[in-house]
Amino acid sequence: MYPMAKITLHPMFQGVSGRMDGIVFRRSVSGRIYMSLTPDMSRVQWSPAQQAHRQKFRQAIAYARAALADPQLRAHYQERAAQENSRPYDLAVSDAFKGRNLLEK
């Protein structure tokens, strides 16, 4: 595994994210941008437990997107995020994993 490289961007760039030619660019919560090699997952055989977890994660992401599309829930998650020093999206995904579906209320 290669070590992660740190990048300092020229001020004319607002930022970089995504994938380009086998390299993934990521922004951390603190705002730093990191790049790493794109993982090759083509030969991975997922176990049944891993498949179940991946399905649950898909459902959590769908919940987070739907919850943040609702103006009232977005405000709720933004308020919580400010208090807990986190991101609203991460809190919504966490709630979905814990079985807290605020869309049903």
C-alpha atoms as a PDB file:
ATOM      1  CA  MET A   1       0.000   0.000   0.000  1.00  0.00           C
ATOM      2  CA  TYR A   2       1.276   3.426  -0.902  1.00  0.00           C
ATOM      3  CA  PRO A   3       1.299   6.259   1.649  1.00  0.00           C
ATOM      4  CA  MET A   4      -1.213   9.043   1.114  1.00  0.00           C
ATOM      5  CA  ALA A   5       0.094  12.246  -0.372  1.00  0.00           C
ATOM      6  CA  LYS A   6      -0.903  15.684   0.866  1.00  0.00           C
ATOM      7  CA  ILE A   7      -1.786  18.324  -1.694  1.00  0.00           C
ATOM      8  CA  THR A   8      -1.627  22.099  -1.420  1.00  0.00           C
ATOM      9  CA  LEU A   9      -3.656  23.642  -4.216  1.00  0.00           C
ATOM     10  CA  HIS A  10      -2.985  26.879  -5.994  1.00  0.00           C
ATOM     11  CA  PRO A  11      -5.403  29.601  -4.742  1.00  0.00           C
ATOM     12  CA  MET A  12      -7.179  29.772  -8.110  1.00  0.00           C
ATOM     13  CA  PHE A  13      -8.682  26.305  -7.487  1.00  0.00           C
ATOM     14  CA  GLN A  14     -11.689  25.964  -5.201  1.00  0.00           C
ATOM     15  CA  GLY A  15     -11.015  22.275  -4.755  1.00  0.00           C
ATOM     16  CA  VAL A  16     -10.760  18.912  -6.408  1.00  0.00           C
ATOM     17  CA  SER A  17     -12.707  15.696  -5.868  1.00  0.00           C
ATOM     18  CA  GLY A  18     -13.473  12.518  -7.714  1.00  0.00           C
ATOM     19  CA  ARG A  19     -11.389  10.104  -9.729  1.00  0.00           C
ATOM     20  CA  MET A  20      -8.915  10.723 -12.528  1.00  0.00           C
ATOM     21  CA  ASP A  21      -6.680   8.193 -14.268  1.00  0.00           C
ATOM     22  CA  GLY A  22      -6.526   5.705 -11.393  1.00  0.00           C
ATOM     23  CA  ILE A  23      -6.232   8.314  -8.638  1.00  0.00           C
ATOM     24  CA  VAL A  24      -8.975   9.290  -6.180  1.00  0.00           C
ATOM     25  CA  PHE A  25      -9.105  12.801  -4.703  1.00  0.00           C
ATOM     26  CA  ARG A  26     -10.807  13.168  -1.323  1.00  0.00           C
ATOM     27  CA  ARG A  27     -11.490  16.051   1.036  1.00  0.00           C
ATOM     28  CA  SER A  28     -11.306  15.340   4.763  1.00  0.00           C
ATOM     29  CA  VAL A  29     -13.683  16.830   7.332  1.00  0.00           C
ATOM     30  CA  SER A  30     -10.958  19.336   8.231  1.00  0.00           C
ATOM     31  CA  GLY A  31     -10.848  20.491   4.590  1.00  0.00           C
ATOM     32  CA  ARG A  32      -7.549  18.940   3.531  1.00  0.00           C
ATOM     33  CA  ILE A  33      -7.433  17.204   0.157  1.00  0.00           C
ATOM     34  CA  TYR A  34      -5.844  13.773  -0.133  1.00  0.00           C
ATOM     35  CA  MET A  35      -5.183  11.563  -3.121  1.00  0.00           C
ATOM     36  CA  SER A  36      -4.729   7.813  -3.304  1.00  0.00           C
ATOM     37  CA  LEU A  37      -4.753   5.041  -5.871  1.00  0.00           C
ATOM     38  CA  THR A  38      -8.157   3.781  -6.987  1.00  0.00           C
ATOM     39  CA  PRO A  39      -8.711   0.401  -5.346  1.00  0.00           C
ATOM     40  CA  ASP A  40      -9.161  -2.572  -7.682  1.00  0.00           C
ATOM     41  CA  MET A  41     -12.231  -4.399  -6.375  1.00  0.00           C
ATOM     42  CA  SER A  42     -12.858  -6.430  -9.548  1.00  0.00           C
ATOM     43  CA  ARG A  43     -11.809  -9.780  -8.070  1.00  0.00           C
ATOM     44  CA  VAL A  44     -13.301  -9.387  -4.606  1.00  0.00           C
ATOM     45  CA  GLN A  45     -15.844 -12.030  -3.644  1.00  0.00           C
ATOM     46  CA  TRP A  46     -18.087 -10.645  -0.923  1.00  0.00           C
ATOM     47  CA  SER A  47     -19.254 -12.965   1.844  1.00  0.00           C
ATOM     48  CA  PRO A  48     -23.003 -13.136   2.599  1.00  0.00           C
ATOM     49  CA  ALA A  49     -22.452 -10.988   5.708  1.00  0.00           C
ATOM     50  CA  GLN A  50     -20.582  -8.385   3.655  1.00  0.00           C
ATOM     51  CA  GLN A  51     -23.328  -8.387   1.021  1.00  0.00           C
ATOM     52  CA  ALA A  52     -25.953  -7.852   3.723  1.00  0.00           C
ATOM     53  CA  HIS A  53     -23.956  -5.007   5.245  1.00  0.00           C
ATOM     54  CA  ARG A  54     -23.485  -3.368   1.831  1.00  0.00           C
ATOM     55  CA  GLN A  55     -27.256  -3.579   1.243  1.00  0.00           C
ATOM     56  CA  LYS A  56     -27.930  -2.003   4.640  1.00  0.00           C
ATOM     57  CA  PHE A  57     -25.448   0.755   3.793  1.00  0.00           C
ATOM     58  CA  ARG A  58     -27.254   1.397   0.468  1.00  0.00           C
ATOM     59  CA  GLN A  59     -30.501   1.776   2.396  1.00  0.00           C
ATOM     60  CA  ALA A  60     -28.837   4.133   4.904  1.00  0.00           C
ATOM     61  CA  ILE A  61     -27.544   6.306   2.060  1.00  0.00           C
ATOM     62  CA  ALA A  62     -31.003   6.402   0.463  1.00  0.00           C
ATOM     63  CA  TYR A  63     -32.481   7.452   3.828  1.00  0.00           C
ATOM     64  CA  ALA A  64     -29.855  10.181   4.303  1.00  0.00           C
ATOM     65  CA  ARG A  65     -30.529  11.619   0.845  1.00  0.00           C
ATOM     66  CA  ALA A  66     -34.287  11.591   1.397  1.00  0.00           C
ATOM     67  CA  ALA A  67     -33.982  13.056   4.901  1.00  0.00           C
ATOM     68  CA  LEU A  68     -31.754  15.905   3.743  1.00  0.00           C
ATOM     69  CA  ALA A  69     -34.146  16.647   0.864  1.00  0.00           C
ATOM     70  CA  ASP A  70     -36.850  17.402   3.460  1.00  0.00           C
ATOM     71  CA  PRO A  71     -36.392  21.018   4.677  1.00  0.00           C
ATOM     72  CA  GLN A  72     -37.479  20.296   8.267  1.00  0.00           C
ATOM     73  CA  LEU A  73     -35.250  17.261   8.651  1.00  0.00           C
ATOM     74  CA  ARG A  74     -32.348  19.080   6.996  1.00  0.00           C
ATOM     75  CA  ALA A  75     -32.669  21.834   9.613  1.00  0.00           C
ATOM     76  CA  HIS A  76     -32.781  19.194  12.363  1.00  0.00           C
ATOM     77  CA  TYR A  77     -29.627  17.475  11.089  1.00  0.00           C
ATOM     78  CA  GLN A  78     -27.805  20.771  10.550  1.00  0.00           C
ATOM     79  CA  GLU A  79     -28.541  21.801  14.127  1.00  0.00           C
ATOM     80  CA  ARG A  80     -27.317  18.448  15.456  1.00  0.00           C
ATOM     81  CA  ALA A  81     -24.232  18.604  13.250  1.00  0.00           C
ATOM     82  CA  ALA A  82     -23.302  22.008  14.649  1.00  0.00           C
ATOM     83  CA  GLN A  83     -23.632  20.679  18.199  1.00  0.00           C
ATOM     84  CA  GLU A  84     -21.767  17.432  17.563  1.00  0.00           C
ATOM     85  CA  ASN A  85     -19.094  18.865  15.221  1.00  0.00           C
ATOM     86  CA  SER A  86     -20.113  16.529  12.424  1.00  0.00           C
ATOM     87  CA  ARG A  87     -21.803  16.674   9.026  1.00  0.00           C
ATOM     88  CA  PRO A  88     -25.592  16.408   8.599  1.00  0.00           C
ATOM     89  CA  TYR A  89     -25.232  13.636   6.015  1.00  0.00           C
ATOM     90  CA  ASP A  90     -23.067  11.516   8.354  1.00  0.00           C
ATOM     91  CA  LEU A  91     -25.569  11.916  11.187  1.00  0.00           C
ATOM     92  CA  ALA A  92     -28.441  10.858   8.914  1.00  0.00           C
ATOM     93  CA  VAL A  93     -26.548   7.745   7.775  1.00  0.00           C
ATOM     94  CA  SER A  94     -25.764   6.940  11.408  1.00  0.00           C
ATOM     95  CA  ASP A  95     -29.426   7.314  12.365  1.00  0.00           C
ATOM     96  CA  ALA A  96     -30.424   4.935   9.576  1.00  0.00           C
ATOM     97  CA  PHE A  97     -27.968   2.322  10.854  1.00  0.00           C
ATOM     98  CA  LYS A  98     -29.382   2.711  14.351  1.00  0.00           C
ATOM     99  CA  GLY A  99     -32.959   2.278  13.089  1.00  0.00           C
ATOM    100  CA  ARG A 100     -33.967   5.912  13.702  1.00  0.00           C
ATOM    101  CA  ASN A 101     -36.161   6.781  10.729  1.00  0.00           C
ATOM    102  CA  LEU A 102     -37.337  10.366  11.219  1.00  0.00           C
ATOM    103  CA  LEU A 103     -39.101  10.351   7.836  1.00  0.00           C
ATOM    104  CA  GLU A 104     -41.819   8.058   9.210  1.00  0.00           C
ATOM    105  CA  LYS A 105     -42.876  10.583  11.857  1.00  0.00           C
END
